[in-house]
Amino acid sequence: MFQILQTIQKPFRRFRRHPVWRDGRAQSFVELALVLPVLLIMLLGLVEVAIFIGRYLDILDLTREAARFASVRDPFQYSPPSVWPSGQNCNGPQNPARPVGVDYYNINERCMTCSDPNYFHFYYTTACIFSPPAGSDTCRTNDPFCNGLNPYVTFNPATDDVVISVYTVSNRTVTHVWPRDDVWPNTGYWALSDHDEDTNHNGNWRTDCRGNVVRSQPYYTRDRVINALNDTLGPASKGFVAVEFYYCYEQVLNLPLFTQFIPNPLRIHAYTLMSLPAAQPTPTPKP
């Protein structure tokens, strides 16, 4: 009799457990539906952050490479007009949209180019490091700002900028800053946006990516260079070149959820200070 009762109870046991199994499976689907969007947002956020970090490292490498390039050159030398490209009008007047002042190198901005190996202008040629390589898809036909080392970061002349300054330090005091303010009205810095072909967007380094003025001077100034020297045990008299890159990063995924909290585009500012032997103070000979 006992065996008969056990045989009868087995189907009922299976019947009672079956709805519980169905309830658990439904709960799993509900949890997956709630968690999956969160995981997807986290994954997309990690992808965007990874791309941003990659762009930042590219910009930092370009800034350091430009500073290294300038550190072994002479800021007081330039190629004579005889080697300027014949295809450009080097005899025409300076662009009237530019600040009025005596050109330190006595050259016309229309003659600035990155592609001619015989052409050398310390500031512009250094800025050419940020231009795309020759023959790349981002180089326009007859584009003077081409032939650089920048295959990944697209330089936008309407928002981006390169700022270069040269410092002479004597006894831990900045004695000279070039370009000199009595030659160019920029008071000790050279900005690419003030000398490139795009005359509608000057002083890009002063603004954010939306055109709002957010700064009045570059990162490196006399005081900042002196403070950097006071924190080191290096020689008290030396020459330096400062290179700054202002770049507007646009989100690749451009998800509305991210743009609500993070500005798009977002300004990236990288800078490097490197020694420049050509700008070292020279001893004044005694009579």
Protein backbone atom coordinates (compact mmCIF):
# COMPACT_ATOMS: atom_id res chain seq x y z
CA MET A 1 0.00 0.00 0.00
CA PHE A 2 2.84 2.38 0.85
CA GLN A 3 4.44 1.77 -2.51
CA ILE A 4 1.16 2.49 -4.27
CA LEU A 5 0.83 5.89 -2.52
CA GLN A 6 4.38 6.85 -3.46
CA THR A 7 3.66 6.02 -7.09
CA ILE A 8 0.56 8.23 -7.06
CA GLN A 9 2.41 11.22 -5.46
CA LYS A 10 5.23 11.39 -8.05
CA PRO A 11 3.18 13.02 -10.86
CA PHE A 12 1.76 15.57 -8.41
CA ARG A 13 5.29 16.48 -7.25
CA ARG A 14 6.35 17.12 -10.83
CA PHE A 15 3.23 19.21 -11.34
CA ARG A 16 3.99 21.38 -8.30
CA ARG A 17 7.63 22.04 -9.26
CA HIS A 18 6.94 22.97 -12.87
CA PRO A 19 5.28 26.41 -12.22
CA VAL A 20 8.13 27.37 -9.90
CA TRP A 21 10.63 26.71 -12.70
CA ARG A 22 8.57 28.87 -15.05
CA ASP A 23 8.49 31.74 -12.54
CA GLY A 24 12.29 31.63 -12.17
CA ARG A 25 12.82 31.77 -15.91
CA ALA A 26 10.49 34.77 -16.24
CA GLN A 27 12.34 36.55 -13.44
CA SER A 28 15.66 35.97 -15.25
CA PHE A 29 14.32 37.57 -18.41
CA VAL A 30 13.10 40.60 -16.47
CA GLU A 31 16.47 41.02 -14.78
CA LEU A 32 18.26 40.69 -18.13
CA ALA A 33 15.98 43.31 -19.68
CA LEU A 34 16.83 45.71 -16.85
CA VAL A 35 20.58 45.07 -16.72
CA LEU A 36 21.34 44.79 -20.45
CA PRO A 37 20.80 48.53 -21.26
CA VAL A 38 23.01 49.50 -18.34
CA LEU A 39 25.75 47.14 -19.52
CA LEU A 40 25.42 48.46 -23.07
CA ILE A 41 25.76 52.07 -21.89
CA MET A 42 28.82 51.15 -19.83
CA LEU A 43 30.36 49.38 -22.83
CA LEU A 44 29.75 52.36 -25.13
CA GLY A 45 31.16 54.68 -22.49
CA LEU A 46 34.33 52.59 -22.24
CA VAL A 47 34.70 52.67 -26.03
CA GLU A 48 34.36 56.47 -26.10
CA VAL A 49 36.82 56.88 -23.23
CA ALA A 50 39.31 54.58 -24.95
CA ILE A 51 39.11 56.61 -28.17
CA PHE A 52 39.50 59.85 -26.21
CA ILE A 53 42.60 58.53 -24.41
CA GLY A 54 44.06 57.45 -27.74
CA ARG A 55 43.51 60.91 -29.22
CA TYR A 56 45.01 62.57 -26.16
CA LEU A 57 48.13 60.42 -26.37
CA ASP A 58 48.44 61.24 -30.08
CA ILE A 59 48.18 64.96 -29.30
CA LEU A 60 50.72 64.68 -26.49
CA ASP A 61 53.16 62.84 -28.77
CA LEU A 62 52.74 65.48 -31.48
CA THR A 63 53.39 68.28 -29.00
CA ARG A 64 56.55 66.61 -27.73
CA GLU A 65 57.72 65.85 -31.26
CA ALA A 66 57.22 69.49 -32.27
CA ALA A 67 59.18 70.65 -29.22
CA ARG A 68 61.99 68.21 -30.02
CA PHE A 69 62.02 69.44 -33.61
CA ALA A 70 62.29 73.07 -32.49
CA SER A 71 64.90 72.36 -29.81
CA VAL A 72 67.62 71.63 -32.38
CA ARG A 73 66.89 74.62 -34.60
CA ASP A 74 67.63 78.33 -34.52
CA PRO A 75 64.65 80.65 -33.96
CA PHE A 76 66.64 83.57 -35.35
CA GLN A 77 67.28 82.05 -38.79
CA TYR A 78 64.96 81.80 -41.77
CA SER A 79 65.18 80.87 -45.43
CA PRO A 80 65.71 83.85 -47.76
CA PRO A 81 62.99 84.88 -50.24
CA SER A 82 64.97 83.38 -53.13
CA VAL A 83 63.93 79.86 -52.12
CA TRP A 84 60.23 80.60 -51.68
CA PRO A 85 57.89 78.63 -53.96
CA SER A 86 57.44 80.40 -57.29
CA GLY A 87 53.79 79.36 -57.42
CA GLN A 88 52.84 81.70 -54.57
CA ASN A 89 52.49 85.45 -54.73
CA CYS A 90 55.24 86.43 -52.30
CA ASN A 91 55.25 90.02 -53.52
CA GLY A 92 51.65 90.72 -52.62
CA PRO A 93 50.66 92.70 -49.52
CA GLN A 94 50.11 91.11 -46.15
CA ASN A 95 46.58 90.01 -45.42
CA PRO A 96 44.75 93.07 -44.03
CA ALA A 97 42.91 90.89 -41.50
CA ARG A 98 46.16 90.26 -39.64
CA PRO A 99 47.47 92.46 -36.82
CA VAL A 100 49.50 95.37 -38.06
CA GLY A 101 53.15 95.13 -37.11
CA VAL A 102 56.62 94.61 -38.47
CA ASP A 103 57.17 91.00 -39.49
CA TYR A 104 60.11 89.66 -37.52
CA TYR A 105 61.36 87.70 -40.52
CA ASN A 106 60.23 90.24 -43.11
CA ILE A 107 58.30 87.61 -45.03
CA ASN A 108 54.81 87.42 -46.46
CA GLU A 109 52.40 84.98 -44.86
CA ARG A 110 51.33 83.82 -48.31
CA CYS A 111 54.76 82.22 -48.68
CA MET A 112 54.49 80.00 -45.62
CA THR A 113 54.54 76.34 -46.62
CA CYS A 114 55.33 72.97 -45.09
CA SER A 115 56.08 71.14 -48.33
CA ASP A 116 59.18 73.00 -49.58
CA PRO A 117 62.30 71.51 -47.92
CA ASN A 118 64.24 74.71 -48.61
CA TYR A 119 61.74 76.87 -46.75
CA PHE A 120 62.32 77.48 -43.04
CA HIS A 121 60.40 79.69 -40.65
CA PHE A 122 61.07 78.61 -37.08
CA TYR A 123 57.52 79.02 -35.79
CA TYR A 124 55.54 77.98 -38.85
CA THR A 125 57.86 75.08 -39.70
CA THR A 126 57.53 73.81 -36.13
CA ALA A 127 53.75 74.07 -36.40
CA CYS A 128 53.95 71.97 -39.57
CA ILE A 129 54.53 68.94 -37.33
CA PHE A 130 50.78 69.05 -36.61
CA SER A 131 49.85 68.95 -40.31
CA PRO A 132 48.88 65.70 -42.09
CA PRO A 133 51.56 63.72 -43.93
CA ALA A 134 52.13 64.48 -47.59
CA GLY A 135 49.98 62.37 -49.88
CA SER A 136 47.34 61.62 -47.25
CA ASP A 137 43.63 61.97 -47.94
CA THR A 138 43.34 64.93 -45.56
CA CYS A 139 45.80 67.03 -47.60
CA ARG A 140 44.12 69.34 -50.07
CA THR A 141 45.62 70.13 -53.45
CA ASN A 142 48.33 72.80 -53.10
CA ASP A 143 47.67 72.93 -49.36
CA PRO A 144 50.61 74.76 -47.71
CA PHE A 145 49.81 73.20 -44.31
CA CYS A 146 50.74 69.64 -45.26
CA ASN A 147 53.78 67.34 -45.00
CA GLY A 148 53.74 66.85 -41.23
CA LEU A 149 53.62 63.92 -38.80
CA ASN A 150 49.93 63.90 -37.92
CA PRO A 151 48.06 60.96 -39.51
CA TYR A 152 45.39 60.54 -36.80
CA VAL A 153 44.33 63.95 -35.48
CA THR A 154 42.44 66.10 -37.98
CA PHE A 155 43.52 69.71 -37.51
CA ASN A 156 40.60 72.13 -37.83
CA PRO A 157 41.80 75.70 -38.55
CA ALA A 158 38.45 77.08 -37.36
CA THR A 159 38.87 75.81 -33.79
CA ASP A 160 42.36 74.36 -33.24
CA ASP A 161 45.61 76.21 -32.66
CA VAL A 162 49.34 75.88 -32.10
CA VAL A 163 51.13 78.37 -29.82
CA ILE A 164 54.93 78.63 -29.69
CA SER A 165 57.13 80.80 -27.45
CA VAL A 166 60.89 81.07 -26.96
CA TYR A 167 62.46 82.06 -23.62
CA THR A 168 65.94 83.15 -22.67
CA VAL A 169 66.71 82.62 -18.98
CA SER A 170 69.68 84.15 -17.19
CA ASN A 171 70.27 83.46 -13.48
CA ARG A 172 66.78 81.99 -13.19
CA THR A 173 65.21 85.15 -14.59
CA VAL A 174 63.48 85.35 -17.96
CA THR A 175 65.32 88.11 -19.79
CA HIS A 176 63.81 87.74 -23.26
CA VAL A 177 60.66 86.24 -24.76
CA TRP A 178 60.24 85.73 -28.49
CA PRO A 179 58.52 86.71 -30.69
CA ARG A 180 59.25 90.10 -29.13
CA ASP A 181 56.29 92.34 -28.42
CA ASP A 182 58.02 95.27 -30.11
CA VAL A 183 58.07 93.31 -33.37
CA TRP A 184 54.81 91.38 -33.34
CA PRO A 185 51.89 92.72 -31.31
CA ASN A 186 51.32 89.30 -29.72
CA THR A 187 53.44 89.97 -26.62
CA GLY A 188 55.72 86.98 -26.63
CA TYR A 189 53.93 84.17 -28.44
CA TRP A 190 53.26 82.98 -31.97
CA ALA A 191 49.86 81.44 -32.75
CA LEU A 192 49.19 79.52 -35.95
CA SER A 193 45.61 80.78 -36.17
CA ASP A 194 46.94 84.34 -36.52
CA HIS A 195 49.11 83.44 -39.52
CA ASP A 196 47.38 80.66 -41.46
CA GLU A 197 45.09 80.92 -44.49
CA ASP A 198 41.92 81.02 -42.39
CA THR A 199 41.58 84.74 -41.68
CA ASN A 200 38.11 84.38 -40.14
CA HIS A 201 39.30 82.49 -37.06
CA ASN A 202 42.18 84.19 -35.26
CA GLY A 203 43.25 83.58 -31.67
CA ASN A 204 41.64 80.14 -31.45
CA TRP A 205 43.70 79.32 -28.36
CA ARG A 206 41.79 81.97 -26.39
CA THR A 207 38.42 80.26 -26.83
CA ASP A 208 36.73 76.98 -26.11
CA CYS A 209 35.31 74.84 -28.89
CA ARG A 210 32.16 76.98 -29.02
CA GLY A 211 34.01 80.25 -29.52
CA ASN A 212 33.68 81.55 -25.95
CA VAL A 213 36.76 83.38 -24.69
CA VAL A 214 38.08 81.42 -21.69
CA ARG A 215 41.74 82.53 -21.39
CA SER A 216 43.78 85.67 -22.00
CA GLN A 217 47.30 84.21 -22.12
CA PRO A 218 48.90 80.90 -23.11
CA TYR A 219 49.79 78.32 -20.50
CA TYR A 220 53.50 79.15 -20.51
CA THR A 221 54.34 82.66 -19.35
CA ARG A 222 57.37 84.31 -17.77
CA ASP A 223 56.19 83.48 -14.26
CA ARG A 224 55.37 79.86 -15.06
CA VAL A 225 58.77 79.28 -16.65
CA ILE A 226 60.53 80.82 -13.63
CA ASN A 227 58.47 78.66 -11.26
CA ALA A 228 59.39 75.57 -13.27
CA LEU A 229 63.07 76.49 -12.99
CA ASN A 230 62.83 77.03 -9.25
CA ASP A 231 61.47 73.50 -8.84
CA THR A 232 64.48 71.92 -10.56
CA LEU A 233 68.23 71.75 -10.00
CA GLY A 234 69.15 72.48 -13.61
CA PRO A 235 71.39 75.28 -14.85
CA ALA A 236 70.26 78.80 -13.98
CA SER A 237 70.89 80.15 -17.50
CA LYS A 238 69.29 78.42 -20.42
CA GLY A 239 67.05 78.75 -23.47
CA PHE A 240 63.62 77.15 -23.77
CA VAL A 241 60.93 76.60 -26.38
CA ALA A 242 57.31 76.09 -25.35
CA VAL A 243 54.86 74.36 -27.69
CA GLU A 244 51.15 74.23 -26.94
CA PHE A 245 48.43 72.47 -28.91
CA TYR A 246 44.76 73.38 -28.55
CA TYR A 247 42.51 70.74 -30.11
CA CYS A 248 38.74 70.24 -30.15
CA TYR A 249 37.86 66.57 -29.70
CA GLU A 250 34.50 65.51 -31.13
CA GLN A 251 32.92 62.41 -29.65
CA VAL A 252 33.01 59.54 -32.12
CA LEU A 253 29.81 57.86 -30.91
CA ASN A 254 28.09 61.20 -30.17
CA LEU A 255 25.52 59.62 -27.88
CA PRO A 256 22.93 62.08 -26.51
CA LEU A 257 23.24 60.54 -23.05
CA PHE A 258 26.94 61.45 -22.90
CA THR A 259 26.64 64.88 -24.50
CA GLN A 260 24.21 65.91 -21.75
CA PHE A 261 27.07 65.79 -19.23
CA ILE A 262 30.25 66.14 -21.32
CA PRO A 263 30.71 69.06 -23.75
CA ASN A 264 30.93 68.01 -27.37
CA PRO A 265 33.33 69.00 -28.82
CA LEU A 266 35.71 69.08 -25.86
CA ARG A 267 38.91 71.15 -25.73
CA ILE A 268 42.15 69.19 -25.25
CA HIS A 269 45.21 71.26 -24.31
CA ALA A 270 48.66 69.65 -24.43
CA TYR A 271 51.92 71.52 -23.82
CA THR A 272 55.64 70.83 -23.64
CA LEU A 273 58.63 72.89 -22.51
CA MET A 274 62.02 71.85 -23.87
CA SER A 275 65.51 73.30 -23.81
CA LEU A 276 66.62 75.36 -26.81
CA PRO A 277 70.40 75.92 -26.99
CA ALA A 278 70.04 78.58 -29.69
CA ALA A 279 68.14 80.80 -27.22
CA GLN A 280 70.66 80.56 -24.40
CA PRO A 281 72.05 83.86 -23.12
CA THR A 282 75.36 84.79 -24.71
CA PRO A 283 78.07 86.47 -22.63
CA THR A 284 78.74 90.09 -23.49
CA PRO A 285 82.41 90.53 -24.38
CA LYS A 286 84.32 93.02 -22.28
CA PRO A 287 85.70 96.07 -24.13
